[in-house]
C-alpha atoms as a PDB file:
ATOM      1  CA  MET A   1     -47.960 -43.965 110.845  1.00  0.00           C
ATOM      2  CA  GLY A   2     -51.450 -42.915 112.033  1.00  0.00           C
ATOM      3  CA  VAL A   3     -54.041 -43.198 109.919  1.00  0.00           C
ATOM      4  CA  ARG A   4     -55.385 -39.762 110.238  1.00  0.00           C
ATOM      5  CA  ARG A   5     -51.676 -38.579 109.933  1.00  0.00           C
ATOM      6  CA  GLU A   6     -51.736 -40.686 106.928  1.00  0.00           C
ATOM      7  CA  GLY A   7     -55.009 -39.344 106.034  1.00  0.00           C
ATOM      8  CA  ARG A   8     -53.535 -35.773 105.836  1.00  0.00           C
ATOM      9  CA  GLU A   9     -50.373 -36.503 104.404  1.00  0.00           C
ATOM     10  CA  ALA A  10     -51.522 -37.997 101.920  1.00  0.00           C
ATOM     11  CA  ALA A  11     -54.477 -35.222 101.386  1.00  0.00           C
ATOM     12  CA  VAL A  12     -52.140 -32.422 101.214  1.00  0.00           C
ATOM     13  CA  GLN A  13     -49.411 -34.566  98.584  1.00  0.00           C
ATOM     14  CA  PHE A  14     -53.399 -34.654  96.190  1.00  0.00           C
ATOM     15  CA  LEU A  15     -52.780 -30.762  96.896  1.00  0.00           C
ATOM     16  CA  TYR A  16     -49.675 -30.616  95.230  1.00  0.00           C
ATOM     17  CA  GLN A  17     -50.500 -33.259  92.946  1.00  0.00           C
ATOM     18  CA  ARG A  18     -53.111 -31.020  91.307  1.00  0.00           C
ATOM     19  CA  ASP A  19     -51.486 -28.002  91.564  1.00  0.00           C
ATOM     20  CA  LEU A  20     -49.270 -29.196  89.407  1.00  0.00           C
ATOM     21  CA  ASP A  21     -51.884 -30.847  87.084  1.00  0.00           C
ATOM     22  CA  PRO A  22     -54.875 -29.774  87.632  1.00  0.00           C
ATOM     23  CA  GLU A  23     -56.591 -33.336  85.906  1.00  0.00           C
ATOM     24  CA  ALA A  24     -55.255 -35.570  88.422  1.00  0.00           C
ATOM     25  CA  ASP A  25     -57.976 -37.377  89.376  1.00  0.00           C
ATOM     26  CA  ARG A  26     -57.634 -39.458  92.924  1.00  0.00           C
ATOM     27  CA  GLY A  27     -58.466 -41.982  91.927  1.00  0.00           C
ATOM     28  CA  SER A  28     -55.271 -42.362  89.772  1.00  0.00           C
ATOM     29  CA  TYR A  29     -53.602 -41.146  92.926  1.00  0.00           C
ATOM     30  CA  TYR A  30     -55.015 -43.544  95.391  1.00  0.00           C
ATOM     31  CA  ALA A  31     -53.421 -45.994  93.175  1.00  0.00           C
ATOM     32  CA  MET A  32     -49.799 -44.469  92.432  1.00  0.00           C
ATOM     33  CA  ARG A  33     -49.502 -43.844  96.187  1.00  0.00           C
ATOM     34  CA  GLY A  34     -50.286 -47.285  97.908  1.00  0.00           C
ATOM     35  CA  ILE A  35     -52.978 -46.180 100.950  1.00  0.00           C
ATOM     36  CA  SER A  36     -54.699 -48.008 103.279  1.00  0.00           C
ATOM     37  CA  PRO A  37     -59.000 -47.951 103.246  1.00  0.00           C
ATOM     38  CA  SER A  38     -59.268 -46.424 106.158  1.00  0.00           C
ATOM     39  CA  ALA A  39     -56.609 -43.414 105.779  1.00  0.00           C
ATOM     40  CA  ARG A  40     -57.625 -43.054 101.858  1.00  0.00           C
ATOM     41  CA  ARG A  41     -61.705 -42.861 103.974  1.00  0.00           C
ATOM     42  CA  PHE A  42     -60.197 -40.019 105.978  1.00  0.00           C
ATOM     43  CA  CYS A  43     -57.995 -38.384 102.942  1.00  0.00           C
ATOM     44  CA  ASP A  44     -61.556 -38.343 101.029  1.00  0.00           C
ATOM     45  CA  GLU A  45     -62.697 -36.996 104.367  1.00  0.00           C
ATOM     46  CA  LEU A  46     -60.834 -34.177 104.325  1.00  0.00           C
ATOM     47  CA  LEU A  47     -60.602 -33.254 100.614  1.00  0.00           C
ATOM     48  CA  ASP A  48     -63.956 -33.165 100.000  1.00  0.00           C
ATOM     49  CA  GLY A  49     -64.117 -30.588 103.333  1.00  0.00           C
ATOM     50  CA  PHE A  50     -61.856 -28.227 101.506  1.00  0.00           C
ATOM     51  CA  VAL A  51     -63.867 -28.486  98.105  1.00  0.00           C
ATOM     52  CA  ALA A  52     -67.108 -27.344 100.399  1.00  0.00           C
ATOM     53  CA  VAL A  53     -64.919 -24.253 101.609  1.00  0.00           C
ATOM     54  CA  SER A  54     -62.103 -24.271  99.109  1.00  0.00           C
ATOM     55  CA  GLU A  55     -63.043 -20.820  98.860  1.00  0.00           C
ATOM     56  CA  ARG A  56     -63.491 -19.179 102.651  1.00  0.00           C
ATOM     57  CA  VAL A  57     -59.618 -21.421 103.251  1.00  0.00           C
ATOM     58  CA  ASP A  58     -58.638 -19.805 100.858  1.00  0.00           C
ATOM     59  CA  GLY A  59     -59.454 -16.072 102.049  1.00  0.00           C
ATOM     60  CA  LEU A  60     -58.613 -16.643 105.934  1.00  0.00           C
ATOM     61  CA  ILE A  61     -54.887 -17.486 104.271  1.00  0.00           C
ATOM     62  CA  ARG A  62     -54.903 -14.399 102.548  1.00  0.00           C
ATOM     63  CA  GLU A  63     -55.897 -12.493 105.496  1.00  0.00           C
ATOM     64  CA  THR A  64     -54.165 -13.774 107.785  1.00  0.00           C
ATOM     65  CA  ALA A  65     -50.894 -14.565 106.296  1.00  0.00           C
ATOM     66  CA  LYS A  66     -50.998 -10.665 105.433  1.00  0.00           C
ATOM     67  CA  ASN A  67     -47.089 -10.470 104.650  1.00  0.00           C
ATOM     68  CA  TYR A  68     -46.932 -13.042 102.258  1.00  0.00           C
ATOM     69  CA  GLU A  69     -48.220 -13.289  98.798  1.00  0.00           C
ATOM     70  CA  PHE A  70     -50.557 -15.891  98.576  1.00  0.00           C
ATOM     71  CA  ALA A  71     -48.966 -17.603  95.077  1.00  0.00           C
ATOM     72  CA  ARG A  72     -45.687 -16.658  96.656  1.00  0.00           C
ATOM     73  CA  ILE A  73     -46.762 -19.034  99.979  1.00  0.00           C
ATOM     74  CA  SER A  74     -44.802 -22.807  98.741  1.00  0.00           C
ATOM     75  CA  ALA A  75     -46.458 -24.955  97.092  1.00  0.00           C
ATOM     76  CA  VAL A  76     -46.436 -27.344 100.138  1.00  0.00           C
ATOM     77  CA  ASP A  77     -46.828 -24.799 102.942  1.00  0.00           C
ATOM     78  CA  ARG A  78     -49.821 -23.381 100.796  1.00  0.00           C
ATOM     79  CA  ASN A  79     -51.730 -27.101 100.992  1.00  0.00           C
ATOM     80  CA  ILE A  80     -50.511 -27.578 104.238  1.00  0.00           C
ATOM     81  CA  LEU A  81     -52.322 -24.840 105.944  1.00  0.00           C
ATOM     82  CA  ARG A  82     -55.285 -25.685 103.157  1.00  0.00           C
ATOM     83  CA  ILE A  83     -55.956 -28.898 105.097  1.00  0.00           C
ATOM     84  CA  ALA A  84     -55.604 -27.322 107.904  1.00  0.00           C
ATOM     85  CA  ALA A  85     -57.372 -24.765 107.598  1.00  0.00           C
ATOM     86  CA  SER A  86     -60.529 -26.495 106.494  1.00  0.00           C
ATOM     87  CA  GLU A  87     -60.546 -28.981 109.240  1.00  0.00           C
ATOM     88  CA  LEU A  88     -60.887 -25.818 111.596  1.00  0.00           C
ATOM     89  CA  VAL A  89     -63.494 -24.546 109.410  1.00  0.00           C
ATOM     90  CA  ALA A  90     -65.326 -27.251 108.952  1.00  0.00           C
ATOM     91  CA  ASN A  91     -65.573 -28.039 112.895  1.00  0.00           C
ATOM     92  CA  ASN A  92     -65.474 -31.594 112.296  1.00  0.00           C
ATOM     93  CA  GLY A  93     -64.846 -33.017 115.324  1.00  0.00           C
ATOM     94  CA  THR A  94     -61.545 -32.253 115.443  1.00  0.00           C
ATOM     95  CA  PRO A  95     -59.863 -30.446 118.631  1.00  0.00           C
ATOM     96  CA  PRO A  96     -58.377 -26.562 116.292  1.00  0.00           C
ATOM     97  CA  ALA A  97     -55.046 -27.563 118.649  1.00  0.00           C
ATOM     98  CA  VAL A  98     -54.928 -31.507 116.761  1.00  0.00           C
ATOM     99  CA  ALA A  99     -55.397 -29.894 113.429  1.00  0.00           C
ATOM    100  CA  ILE A 100     -52.408 -27.320 114.286  1.00  0.00           C
ATOM    101  CA  ASN A 101     -49.832 -29.872 116.004  1.00  0.00           C
ATOM    102  CA  GLU A 102     -50.604 -32.172 112.686  1.00  0.00           C
ATOM    103  CA  ALA A 103     -50.365 -30.033 110.460  1.00  0.00           C
ATOM    104  CA  ILE A 104     -47.680 -28.444 112.088  1.00  0.00           C
ATOM    105  CA  GLU A 105     -46.011 -32.083 112.287  1.00  0.00           C
ATOM    106  CA  ILE A 106     -46.058 -32.156 108.253  1.00  0.00           C
ATOM    107  CA  ALA A 107     -45.073 -28.464 107.757  1.00  0.00           C
ATOM    108  CA  LYS A 108     -40.983 -30.003 109.556  1.00  0.00           C
ATOM    109  CA  LYS A 109     -41.413 -33.471 107.561  1.00  0.00           C
ATOM    110  CA  TYR A 110     -42.332 -32.004 103.822  1.00  0.00           C
ATOM    111  CA  SER A 111     -41.236 -28.161 103.847  1.00  0.00           C
ATOM    112  CA  THR A 112     -38.647 -26.315 105.177  1.00  0.00           C
ATOM    113  CA  ALA A 113     -36.689 -25.441 108.812  1.00  0.00           C
ATOM    114  CA  GLU A 114     -38.978 -21.907 109.273  1.00  0.00           C
ATOM    115  CA  SER A 115     -42.489 -23.271 107.338  1.00  0.00           C
ATOM    116  CA  GLY A 116     -43.520 -25.128 111.365  1.00  0.00           C
ATOM    117  CA  ARG A 117     -43.529 -21.731 112.945  1.00  0.00           C
ATOM    118  CA  PHE A 118     -45.459 -20.082 109.136  1.00  0.00           C
ATOM    119  CA  VAL A 119     -47.803 -23.343 109.144  1.00  0.00           C
ATOM    120  CA  ASN A 120     -48.360 -23.093 113.727  1.00  0.00           C
ATOM    121  CA  GLY A 121     -48.494 -18.602 113.339  1.00  0.00           C
ATOM    122  CA  VAL A 122     -51.317 -18.599 110.594  1.00  0.00           C
ATOM    123  CA  LEU A 123     -52.926 -21.108 111.243  1.00  0.00           C
ATOM    124  CA  ASP A 124     -53.390 -19.855 115.603  1.00  0.00           C
ATOM    125  CA  ARG A 125     -54.318 -16.752 113.610  1.00  0.00           C
ATOM    126  CA  ILE A 126     -57.216 -17.910 112.103  1.00  0.00           C
ATOM    127  CA  ARG A 127     -58.215 -20.360 114.976  1.00  0.00           C
ATOM    128  CA  GLN A 128     -58.558 -17.023 117.203  1.00  0.00           C
ATOM    129  CA  THR A 129     -60.800 -15.423 113.800  1.00  0.00           C
ATOM    130  CA  LEU A 130     -62.863 -18.365 113.916  1.00  0.00           C
ATOM    131  CA  ALA A 131     -63.860 -18.391 117.529  1.00  0.00           C
ATOM    132  CA  LYS A 132     -64.266 -14.991 117.598  1.00  0.00           C
ATOM    133  CA  PRO A 133     -67.750 -13.719 117.815  1.00  0.00           C
ATOM    134  CA  ALA A 134     -69.493 -11.523 115.190  1.00  0.00           C
ATOM    135  CA  PRO A 135     -69.361  -7.880 115.865  1.00  0.00           C
ATOM    136  CA  PRO A 136     -73.316  -6.364 116.984  1.00  0.00           C
ATOM    137  CA  GLY A 137     -74.948  -6.090 114.004  1.00  0.00           C
ATOM    138  CA  ALA A 138     -73.363  -8.262 111.660  1.00  0.00           C
ATOM    139  CA  PRO A 139     -74.872 -10.587 109.135  1.00  0.00           C
ATOM    140  CA  ALA A 140     -74.917 -14.262 110.414  1.00  0.00           C
ATOM    141  CA  ALA A 141     -72.389 -16.265 109.430  1.00  0.00           C
ATOM    142  CA  LYS A 142     -73.748 -18.865 106.839  1.00  0.00           C
ATOM    143  CA  PRO A 143     -73.662 -22.610 108.333  1.00  0.00           C
ATOM    144  CA  ASP A 144     -70.564 -24.548 105.857  1.00  0.00           C
ATOM    145  CA  SER A 145     -71.709 -27.109 104.100  1.00  0.00           C
ATOM    146  CA  ALA A 146     -69.051 -29.145 104.800  1.00  0.00           C
ATOM    147  CA  GLY A 147     -71.290 -30.924 107.078  1.00  0.00           C
END
């Protein structure tokens, strides 16, 4: 498995653990999981990126998954969407197609048979939303601090 895939999977798993135990900390998680230093650095980038834009990401997921109550999206799928959507929002050099494809593959590995299609649909709609220019007269979007 590549470093970036390992980092993405670890980020999703940490967010899942944090859903179960809000006091979970990365140090203990990394010690328990065992992760290469390179993957850990990438995982930290992803988690820090998500924290910086978490409200925006969760809002985008809510808007694009209109037929699904946010709290009822499986925890695995929700956290896969969060990591991938934060990559899309941060525009950190990862091509959107790569972020989406990685999320689909992680969903296929850790979630249900339908999750790959669900994750693909939600993330593609988020990608389209982010690619749309602001309507004339709309206030300019604030730059994200996810740097």
